Amino acid sequence: MPETILQEAQRLVMGARQASYGHPADDFARTGRMWGAILGIPDVTPELVGLCMAAVKISREVNAHKRDNLTDLAGYSQTVALIHERKGTE
């Protein structure tokens, strides 16, 4: 039976992606600092970075269906949950 979108997202977030980029709280905090500097605003929170990345995937999916968009959307949802877990706000 083929892997579902949710299974694929879970495998990627908890395996290869985390091994490559570190915990999403750390990765997205770095990204949020860079976005804030580029935009001339305070740092963007890690949670908002994850939600913004999910929005990119929704925008792409609205334009044209691609399985990767849905997999990444599920993955970004999981990363936001991991950030909340680490902060104790889950």
PDB file of N, CA and C in Angstrom:
ATOM      1  N   MET A   1       0.845  -1.180   0.000  1.00  0.00           N
ATOM      2  CA  MET A   1       0.000   0.000   0.000  1.00  0.00           C
ATOM      3  C   MET A   1       0.891   1.244   0.000  1.00  0.00           C
ATOM      4  N   PRO A   2       0.599   2.212  -0.850  1.00  0.00           N
ATOM      5  CA  PRO A   2       1.442   3.408  -0.910  1.00  0.00           C
ATOM      6  C   PRO A   2       1.333   4.245   0.369  1.00  0.00           C
ATOM      7  N   GLU A   3       2.373   4.985   0.640  1.00  0.00           N
ATOM      8  CA  GLU A   3       2.433   5.863   1.800  1.00  0.00           C
ATOM      9  C   GLU A   3       1.428   7.013   1.625  1.00  0.00           C
ATOM     10  N   THR A   4       0.681   7.330   2.680  1.00  0.00           N
ATOM     11  CA  THR A   4      -0.249   8.455   2.607  1.00  0.00           C
ATOM     12  C   THR A   4       0.524   9.765   2.717  1.00  0.00           C
ATOM     13  N   ILE A   5      -0.157  10.851   2.393  1.00  0.00           N
ATOM     14  CA  ILE A   5       0.453  12.177   2.524  1.00  0.00           C
ATOM     15  C   ILE A   5       0.872  12.428   3.968  1.00  0.00           C
ATOM     16  N   LEU A   6       0.013  12.070   4.914  1.00  0.00           N
ATOM     17  CA  LEU A   6       0.342  12.293   6.321  1.00  0.00           C
ATOM     18  C   LEU A   6       1.520  11.441   6.773  1.00  0.00           C
ATOM     19  N   GLN A   7       1.576  10.199   6.316  1.00  0.00           N
ATOM     20  CA  GLN A   7       2.703   9.336   6.662  1.00  0.00           C
ATOM     21  C   GLN A   7       4.009   9.883   6.082  1.00  0.00           C
ATOM     22  N   GLU A   8       3.945  10.334   4.838  1.00  0.00           N
ATOM     23  CA  GLU A   8       5.137  10.895   4.201  1.00  0.00           C
ATOM     24  C   GLU A   8       5.604  12.147   4.941  1.00  0.00           C
ATOM     25  N   ALA A   9       4.666  13.019   5.291  1.00  0.00           N
ATOM     26  CA  ALA A   9       5.020  14.247   6.010  1.00  0.00           C
ATOM     27  C   ALA A   9       5.654  13.909   7.360  1.00  0.00           C
ATOM     28  N   GLN A  10       5.080  12.977   8.067  1.00  0.00           N
ATOM     29  CA  GLN A  10       5.613  12.563   9.380  1.00  0.00           C
ATOM     30  C   GLN A  10       7.032  12.021   9.226  1.00  0.00           C
ATOM     31  N   ARG A  11       7.240  11.176   8.243  1.00  0.00           N
ATOM     32  CA  ARG A  11       8.565  10.591   8.007  1.00  0.00           C
ATOM     33  C   ARG A  11       9.589  11.685   7.712  1.00  0.00           C
ATOM     34  N   LEU A  12       9.209  12.642   6.873  1.00  0.00           N
ATOM     35  CA  LEU A  12      10.140  13.710   6.497  1.00  0.00           C
ATOM     36  C   LEU A  12      10.440  14.643   7.659  1.00  0.00           C
ATOM     37  N   VAL A  13       9.398  15.067   8.370  1.00  0.00           N
ATOM     38  CA  VAL A  13       9.585  16.019   9.465  1.00  0.00           C
ATOM     39  C   VAL A  13      10.394  15.403  10.599  1.00  0.00           C
ATOM     40  N   MET A  14      10.089  14.181  10.945  1.00  0.00           N
ATOM     41  CA  MET A  14      10.748  13.559  12.095  1.00  0.00           C
ATOM     42  C   MET A  14      12.069  12.887  11.729  1.00  0.00           C
ATOM     43  N   GLY A  15      12.358  12.785  10.455  1.00  0.00           N
ATOM     44  CA  GLY A  15      13.574  12.097  10.031  1.00  0.00           C
ATOM     45  C   GLY A  15      14.523  13.003   9.281  1.00  0.00           C
ATOM     46  N   ALA A  16      14.451  12.941   7.974  1.00  0.00           N
ATOM     47  CA  ALA A  16      15.433  13.605   7.113  1.00  0.00           C
ATOM     48  C   ALA A  16      15.487  15.111   7.329  1.00  0.00           C
ATOM     49  N   ARG A  17      14.340  15.769   7.409  1.00  0.00           N
ATOM     50  CA  ARG A  17      14.336  17.235   7.534  1.00  0.00           C
ATOM     51  C   ARG A  17      14.942  17.663   8.870  1.00  0.00           C
ATOM     52  N   GLN A  18      14.548  16.989   9.947  1.00  0.00           N
ATOM     53  CA  GLN A  18      15.067  17.377  11.251  1.00  0.00           C
ATOM     54  C   GLN A  18      16.558  17.081  11.349  1.00  0.00           C
ATOM     55  N   ALA A  19      16.989  15.993  10.727  1.00  0.00           N
ATOM     56  CA  ALA A  19      18.422  15.681  10.721  1.00  0.00           C
ATOM     57  C   ALA A  19      19.198  16.738   9.946  1.00  0.00           C
ATOM     58  N   SER A  20      18.612  17.255   8.872  1.00  0.00           N
ATOM     59  CA  SER A  20      19.299  18.244   8.034  1.00  0.00           C
ATOM     60  C   SER A  20      19.257  19.648   8.623  1.00  0.00           C
ATOM     61  N   TYR A  21      18.102  20.033   9.173  1.00  0.00           N
ATOM     62  CA  TYR A  21      17.894  21.433   9.558  1.00  0.00           C
ATOM     63  C   TYR A  21      17.806  21.665  11.056  1.00  0.00           C
ATOM     64  N   GLY A  22      17.755  20.617  11.848  1.00  0.00           N
ATOM     65  CA  GLY A  22      17.577  20.762  13.286  1.00  0.00           C
ATOM     66  C   GLY A  22      16.105  20.890  13.638  1.00  0.00           C
ATOM     67  N   HIS A  23      15.859  21.083  14.918  1.00  0.00           N
ATOM     68  CA  HIS A  23      14.472  21.224  15.390  1.00  0.00           C
ATOM     69  C   HIS A  23      13.846  22.441  14.721  1.00  0.00           C
ATOM     70  N   PRO A  24      12.567  22.339  14.313  1.00  0.00           N
ATOM     71  CA  PRO A  24      11.924  23.471  13.641  1.00  0.00           C
ATOM     72  C   PRO A  24      11.903  24.747  14.478  1.00  0.00           C
ATOM     73  N   ALA A  25      11.884  24.638  15.792  1.00  0.00           N
ATOM     74  CA  ALA A  25      11.908  25.849  16.623  1.00  0.00           C
ATOM     75  C   ALA A  25      13.187  26.636  16.372  1.00  0.00           C
ATOM     76  N   ASP A  26      14.298  25.936  16.232  1.00  0.00           N
ATOM     77  CA  ASP A  26      15.586  26.589  15.985  1.00  0.00           C
ATOM     78  C   ASP A  26      15.692  27.077  14.541  1.00  0.00           C
ATOM     79  N   ASP A  27      15.307  26.216  13.604  1.00  0.00           N
ATOM     80  CA  ASP A  27      15.362  26.557  12.182  1.00  0.00           C
ATOM     81  C   ASP A  27      14.479  27.755  11.876  1.00  0.00           C
ATOM     82  N   PHE A  28      13.248  27.725  12.364  1.00  0.00           N
ATOM     83  CA  PHE A  28      12.306  28.798  12.063  1.00  0.00           C
ATOM     84  C   PHE A  28      12.638  30.071  12.840  1.00  0.00           C
ATOM     85  N   ALA A  29      13.285  29.953  14.006  1.00  0.00           N
ATOM     86  CA  ALA A  29      13.727  31.158  14.721  1.00  0.00           C
ATOM     87  C   ALA A  29      14.786  31.886  13.893  1.00  0.00           C
ATOM     88  N   ARG A  30      15.717  31.131  13.298  1.00  0.00           N
ATOM     89  CA  ARG A  30      16.724  31.752  12.425  1.00  0.00           C
ATOM     90  C   ARG A  30      16.048  32.426  11.233  1.00  0.00           C
ATOM     91  N   THR A  31      15.108  31.710  10.621  1.00  0.00           N
ATOM     92  CA  THR A  31      14.385  32.264   9.471  1.00  0.00           C
ATOM     93  C   THR A  31      13.618  33.519   9.876  1.00  0.00           C
ATOM     94  N   GLY A  32      12.970  33.483  11.020  1.00  0.00           N
ATOM     95  CA  GLY A  32      12.196  34.631  11.504  1.00  0.00           C
ATOM     96  C   GLY A  32      13.060  35.852  11.765  1.00  0.00           C
ATOM     97  N   ARG A  33      14.282  35.633  12.260  1.00  0.00           N
ATOM     98  CA  ARG A  33      15.199  36.760  12.455  1.00  0.00           C
ATOM     99  C   ARG A  33      15.593  37.367  11.118  1.00  0.00           C
ATOM    100  N   MET A  34      15.853  36.505  10.130  1.00  0.00           N
ATOM    101  CA  MET A  34      16.225  37.000   8.797  1.00  0.00           C
ATOM    102  C   MET A  34      15.059  37.740   8.148  1.00  0.00           C
ATOM    103  N   TRP A  35      13.847  37.187   8.232  1.00  0.00           N
ATOM    104  CA  TRP A  35      12.676  37.854   7.656  1.00  0.00           C
ATOM    105  C   TRP A  35      12.473  39.213   8.305  1.00  0.00           C
ATOM    106  N   GLY A  36      12.593  39.258   9.639  1.00  0.00           N
ATOM    107  CA  GLY A  36      12.436  40.520  10.344  1.00  0.00           C
ATOM    108  C   GLY A  36      13.450  41.560   9.878  1.00  0.00           C
ATOM    109  N   ALA A  37      14.701  41.130   9.715  1.00  0.00           N
ATOM    110  CA  ALA A  37      15.738  42.061   9.252  1.00  0.00           C
ATOM    111  C   ALA A  37      15.451  42.552   7.837  1.00  0.00           C
ATOM    112  N   ILE A  38      15.071  41.641   6.970  1.00  0.00           N
ATOM    113  CA  ILE A  38      14.776  42.017   5.580  1.00  0.00           C
ATOM    114  C   ILE A  38      13.598  42.986   5.513  1.00  0.00           C
ATOM    115  N   LEU A  39      12.566  42.719   6.308  1.00  0.00           N
ATOM    116  CA  LEU A  39      11.345  43.527   6.274  1.00  0.00           C
ATOM    117  C   LEU A  39      11.428  44.774   7.161  1.00  0.00           C
ATOM    118  N   GLY A  40      12.486  44.866   7.974  1.00  0.00           N
ATOM    119  CA  GLY A  40      12.621  46.001   8.877  1.00  0.00           C
ATOM    120  C   GLY A  40      11.601  45.992   9.997  1.00  0.00           C
ATOM    121  N   ILE A  41      11.274  44.798  10.484  1.00  0.00           N
ATOM    122  CA  ILE A  41      10.303  44.631  11.572  1.00  0.00           C
ATOM    123  C   ILE A  41      10.944  43.762  12.652  1.00  0.00           C
ATOM    124  N   PRO A  42      10.288  43.660  13.820  1.00  0.00           N
ATOM    125  CA  PRO A  42      10.809  42.719  14.819  1.00  0.00           C
ATOM    126  C   PRO A  42      10.817  41.288  14.254  1.00  0.00           C
ATOM    127  N   ASP A  43      11.567  40.431  14.911  1.00  0.00           N
ATOM    128  CA  ASP A  43      11.644  39.029  14.471  1.00  0.00           C
ATOM    129  C   ASP A  43      10.254  38.426  14.302  1.00  0.00           C
ATOM    130  N   VAL A  44      10.100  37.614  13.286  1.00  0.00           N
ATOM    131  CA  VAL A  44       8.880  36.839  13.078  1.00  0.00           C
ATOM    132  C   VAL A  44       9.013  35.589  13.937  1.00  0.00           C
ATOM    133  N   THR A  45       7.985  35.248  14.693  1.00  0.00           N
ATOM    134  CA  THR A  45       8.070  34.094  15.593  1.00  0.00           C
ATOM    135  C   THR A  45       8.197  32.794  14.798  1.00  0.00           C
ATOM    136  N   PRO A  46       8.821  31.783  15.402  1.00  0.00           N
ATOM    137  CA  PRO A  46       8.911  30.485  14.716  1.00  0.00           C
ATOM    138  C   PRO A  46       7.557  29.932  14.306  1.00  0.00           C
ATOM    139  N   GLU A  47       6.536  30.117  15.162  1.00  0.00           N
ATOM    140  CA  GLU A  47       5.208  29.621  14.818  1.00  0.00           C
ATOM    141  C   GLU A  47       4.670  30.312  13.560  1.00  0.00           C
ATOM    142  N   LEU A  48       4.855  31.627  13.484  1.00  0.00           N
ATOM    143  CA  LEU A  48       4.375  32.359  12.314  1.00  0.00           C
ATOM    144  C   LEU A  48       5.151  31.998  11.053  1.00  0.00           C
ATOM    145  N   VAL A  49       6.444  31.705  11.213  1.00  0.00           N
ATOM    146  CA  VAL A  49       7.214  31.241  10.049  1.00  0.00           C
ATOM    147  C   VAL A  49       6.582  29.963   9.504  1.00  0.00           C
ATOM    148  N   GLY A  50       6.279  29.010  10.388  1.00  0.00           N
ATOM    149  CA  GLY A  50       5.654  27.759   9.951  1.00  0.00           C
ATOM    150  C   GLY A  50       4.313  27.996   9.274  1.00  0.00           C
ATOM    151  N   LEU A  51       3.510  28.886   9.837  1.00  0.00           N
ATOM    152  CA  LEU A  51       2.203  29.179   9.237  1.00  0.00           C
ATOM    153  C   LEU A  51       2.351  29.890   7.893  1.00  0.00           C
ATOM    154  N   CYS A  52       3.322  30.777   7.792  1.00  0.00           N
ATOM    155  CA  CYS A  52       3.563  31.453   6.500  1.00  0.00           C
ATOM    156  C   CYS A  52       4.031  30.461   5.444  1.00  0.00           C
ATOM    157  N   MET A  53       4.876  29.521   5.831  1.00  0.00           N
ATOM    158  CA  MET A  53       5.322  28.510   4.878  1.00  0.00           C
ATOM    159  C   MET A  53       4.140  27.640   4.438  1.00  0.00           C
ATOM    160  N   ALA A  54       3.236  27.344   5.375  1.00  0.00           N
ATOM    161  CA  ALA A  54       2.031  26.600   5.015  1.00  0.00           C
ATOM    162  C   ALA A  54       1.193  27.403   4.016  1.00  0.00           C
ATOM    163  N   ALA A  55       1.120  28.715   4.213  1.00  0.00           N
ATOM    164  CA  ALA A  55       0.365  29.567   3.294  1.00  0.00           C
ATOM    165  C   ALA A  55       0.951  29.526   1.889  1.00  0.00           C
ATOM    166  N   VAL A  56       2.272  29.464   1.790  1.00  0.00           N
ATOM    167  CA  VAL A  56       2.911  29.344   0.471  1.00  0.00           C
ATOM    168  C   VAL A  56       2.440  28.058  -0.207  1.00  0.00           C
ATOM    169  N   LYS A  57       2.397  26.976   0.547  1.00  0.00           N
ATOM    170  CA  LYS A  57       1.975  25.698  -0.020  1.00  0.00           C
ATOM    171  C   LYS A  57       0.507  25.726  -0.432  1.00  0.00           C
ATOM    172  N   ILE A  58      -0.338  26.392   0.350  1.00  0.00           N
ATOM    173  CA  ILE A  58      -1.748  26.521  -0.030  1.00  0.00           C
ATOM    174  C   ILE A  58      -1.862  27.329  -1.319  1.00  0.00           C
ATOM    175  N   SER A  59      -1.137  28.418  -1.408  1.00  0.00           N
ATOM    176  CA  SER A  59      -1.164  29.248  -2.621  1.00  0.00           C
ATOM    177  C   SER A  59      -0.757  28.441  -3.848  1.00  0.00           C
ATOM    178  N   ARG A  60       0.282  27.651  -3.704  1.00  0.00           N
ATOM    179  CA  ARG A  60       0.736  26.832  -4.834  1.00  0.00           C
ATOM    180  C   ARG A  60      -0.296  25.774  -5.210  1.00  0.00           C
ATOM    181  N   GLU A  61      -0.930  25.189  -4.196  1.00  0.00           N
ATOM    182  CA  GLU A  61      -1.933  24.154  -4.451  1.00  0.00           C
ATOM    183  C   GLU A  61      -3.163  24.747  -5.137  1.00  0.00           C
ATOM    184  N   VAL A  62      -3.533  25.972  -4.778  1.00  0.00           N
ATOM    185  CA  VAL A  62      -4.662  26.638  -5.427  1.00  0.00           C
ATOM    186  C   VAL A  62      -4.363  26.844  -6.914  1.00  0.00           C
ATOM    187  N   ASN A  63      -3.109  27.143  -7.221  1.00  0.00           N
ATOM    188  CA  ASN A  63      -2.713  27.347  -8.614  1.00  0.00           C
ATOM    189  C   ASN A  63      -2.739  26.045  -9.399  1.00  0.00           C
ATOM    190  N   ALA A  64      -2.151  25.007  -8.846  1.00  0.00           N
ATOM    191  CA  ALA A  64      -2.102  23.710  -9.532  1.00  0.00           C
ATOM    192  C   ALA A  64      -1.820  22.619  -8.507  1.00  0.00           C
ATOM    193  N   HIS A  65      -2.597  21.533  -8.572  1.00  0.00           N
ATOM    194  CA  HIS A  65      -2.394  20.425  -7.638  1.00  0.00           C
ATOM    195  C   HIS A  65      -1.050  19.762  -7.869  1.00  0.00           C
ATOM    196  N   LYS A  66      -0.375  19.536  -6.769  1.00  0.00           N
ATOM    197  CA  LYS A  66       0.850  18.751  -6.759  1.00  0.00           C
ATOM    198  C   LYS A  66       0.926  18.094  -5.389  1.00  0.00           C
ATOM    199  N   ARG A  67       1.112  16.809  -5.362  1.00  0.00           N
ATOM    200  CA  ARG A  67       1.141  16.069  -4.099  1.00  0.00           C
ATOM    201  C   ARG A  67       2.100  16.690  -3.101  1.00  0.00           C
ATOM    202  N   ASP A  68       3.255  17.153  -3.573  1.00  0.00           N
ATOM    203  CA  ASP A  68       4.264  17.747  -2.703  1.00  0.00           C
ATOM    204  C   ASP A  68       3.706  18.926  -1.906  1.00  0.00           C
ATOM    205  N   ASN A  69       2.815  19.708  -2.519  1.00  0.00           N
ATOM    206  CA  ASN A  69       2.211  20.839  -1.802  1.00  0.00           C
ATOM    207  C   ASN A  69       1.459  20.356  -0.569  1.00  0.00           C
ATOM    208  N   LEU A  70       0.687  19.303  -0.734  1.00  0.00           N
ATOM    209  CA  LEU A  70      -0.109  18.782   0.376  1.00  0.00           C
ATOM    210  C   LEU A  70       0.768  18.100   1.423  1.00  0.00           C
ATOM    211  N   THR A  71       1.786  17.404   0.964  1.00  0.00           N
ATOM    212  CA  THR A  71       2.724  16.783   1.900  1.00  0.00           C
ATOM    213  C   THR A  71       3.417  17.849   2.737  1.00  0.00           C
ATOM    214  N   ASP A  72       3.904  18.900   2.078  1.00  0.00           N
ATOM    215  CA  ASP A  72       4.581  19.967   2.804  1.00  0.00           C
ATOM    216  C   ASP A  72       3.629  20.724   3.718  1.00  0.00           C
ATOM    217  N   LEU A  73       2.376  20.917   3.290  1.00  0.00           N
ATOM    218  CA  LEU A  73       1.379  21.566   4.134  1.00  0.00           C
ATOM    219  C   LEU A  73       1.193  20.779   5.433  1.00  0.00           C
ATOM    220  N   ALA A  74       1.047  19.482   5.314  1.00  0.00           N
ATOM    221  CA  ALA A  74       0.933  18.628   6.506  1.00  0.00           C
ATOM    222  C   ALA A  74       2.203  18.706   7.348  1.00  0.00           C
ATOM    223  N   GLY A  75       3.345  18.723   6.667  1.00  0.00           N
ATOM    224  CA  GLY A  75       4.621  18.808   7.375  1.00  0.00           C
ATOM    225  C   GLY A  75       4.775  20.111   8.138  1.00  0.00           C
ATOM    226  N   TYR A  76       4.393  21.222   7.530  1.00  0.00           N
ATOM    227  CA  TYR A  76       4.487  22.504   8.231  1.00  0.00           C
ATOM    228  C   TYR A  76       3.540  22.546   9.423  1.00  0.00           C
ATOM    229  N   SER A  77       2.373  21.928   9.316  1.00  0.00           N
ATOM    230  CA  SER A  77       1.476  21.827  10.469  1.00  0.00           C
ATOM    231  C   SER A  77       2.147  21.069  11.602  1.00  0.00           C
ATOM    232  N   GLN A  78       2.828  19.994  11.254  1.00  0.00           N
ATOM    233  CA  GLN A  78       3.541  19.210  12.266  1.00  0.00           C
ATOM    234  C   GLN A  78       4.673  20.013  12.901  1.00  0.00           C
ATOM    235  N   THR A  79       5.385  20.801  12.100  1.00  0.00           N
ATOM    236  CA  THR A  79       6.492  21.589  12.663  1.00  0.00           C
ATOM    237  C   THR A  79       5.966  22.626  13.658  1.00  0.00           C
ATOM    238  N   VAL A  80       4.821  23.235  13.357  1.00  0.00           N
ATOM    239  CA  VAL A  80       4.240  24.207  14.293  1.00  0.00           C
ATOM    240  C   VAL A  80       3.855  23.491  15.592  1.00  0.00           C
ATOM    241  N   ALA A  81       3.306  22.298  15.485  1.00  0.00           N
ATOM    242  CA  ALA A  81       2.964  21.520  16.685  1.00  0.00           C
ATOM    243  C   ALA A  81       4.218  21.197  17.495  1.00  0.00           C
ATOM    244  N   LEU A  82       5.312  20.844  16.819  1.00  0.00           N
ATOM    245  CA  LEU A  82       6.576  20.560  17.516  1.00  0.00           C
ATOM    246  C   LEU A  82       7.105  21.789  18.243  1.00  0.00           C
ATOM    247  N   ILE A  83       6.953  22.952  17.634  1.00  0.00           N
ATOM    248  CA  ILE A  83       7.383  24.197  18.279  1.00  0.00           C
ATOM    249  C   ILE A  83       6.559  24.439  19.541  1.00  0.00           C
ATOM    250  N   HIS A  84       5.235  24.249  19.442  1.00  0.00           N
ATOM    251  CA  HIS A  84       4.378  24.421  20.621  1.00  0.00           C
ATOM    252  C   HIS A  84       4.729  23.400  21.702  1.00  0.00           C
ATOM    253  N   GLU A  85       5.022  22.170  21.310  1.00  0.00           N
ATOM    254  CA  GLU A  85       5.425  21.144  22.289  1.00  0.00           C
ATOM    255  C   GLU A  85       6.666  21.586  23.043  1.00  0.00           C
ATOM    256  N   ARG A  86       7.663  22.064  22.298  1.00  0.00           N
ATOM    257  CA  ARG A  86       8.912  22.483  22.936  1.00  0.00           C
ATOM    258  C   ARG A  86       8.666  23.639  23.898  1.00  0.00           C
ATOM    259  N   LYS A  87       7.796  24.569  23.527  1.00  0.00           N
ATOM    260  CA  LYS A  87       7.500  25.732  24.364  1.00  0.00           C
ATOM    261  C   LYS A  87       6.562  25.389  25.527  1.00  0.00           C
ATOM    262  N   GLY A  88       5.951  24.220  25.460  1.00  0.00           N
ATOM    263  CA  GLY A  88       4.994  23.841  26.497  1.00  0.00           C
ATOM    264  C   GLY A  88       3.642  24.501  26.326  1.00  0.00           C
ATOM    265  N   THR A  89       3.334  24.906  25.086  1.00  0.00           N
ATOM    266  CA  THR A  89       2.048  25.559  24.819  1.00  0.00           C
ATOM    267  C   THR A  89       1.115  24.657  24.029  1.00  0.00           C
ATOM    268  N   GLU A  90       1.457  23.377  23.932  1.00  0.00           N
ATOM    269  CA  GLU A  90       0.654  22.417  23.164  1.00  0.00           C
ATOM    270  C   GLU A  90      -0.591  22.060  23.934  1.00  0.00           C
TER     271      GLU A  90
END
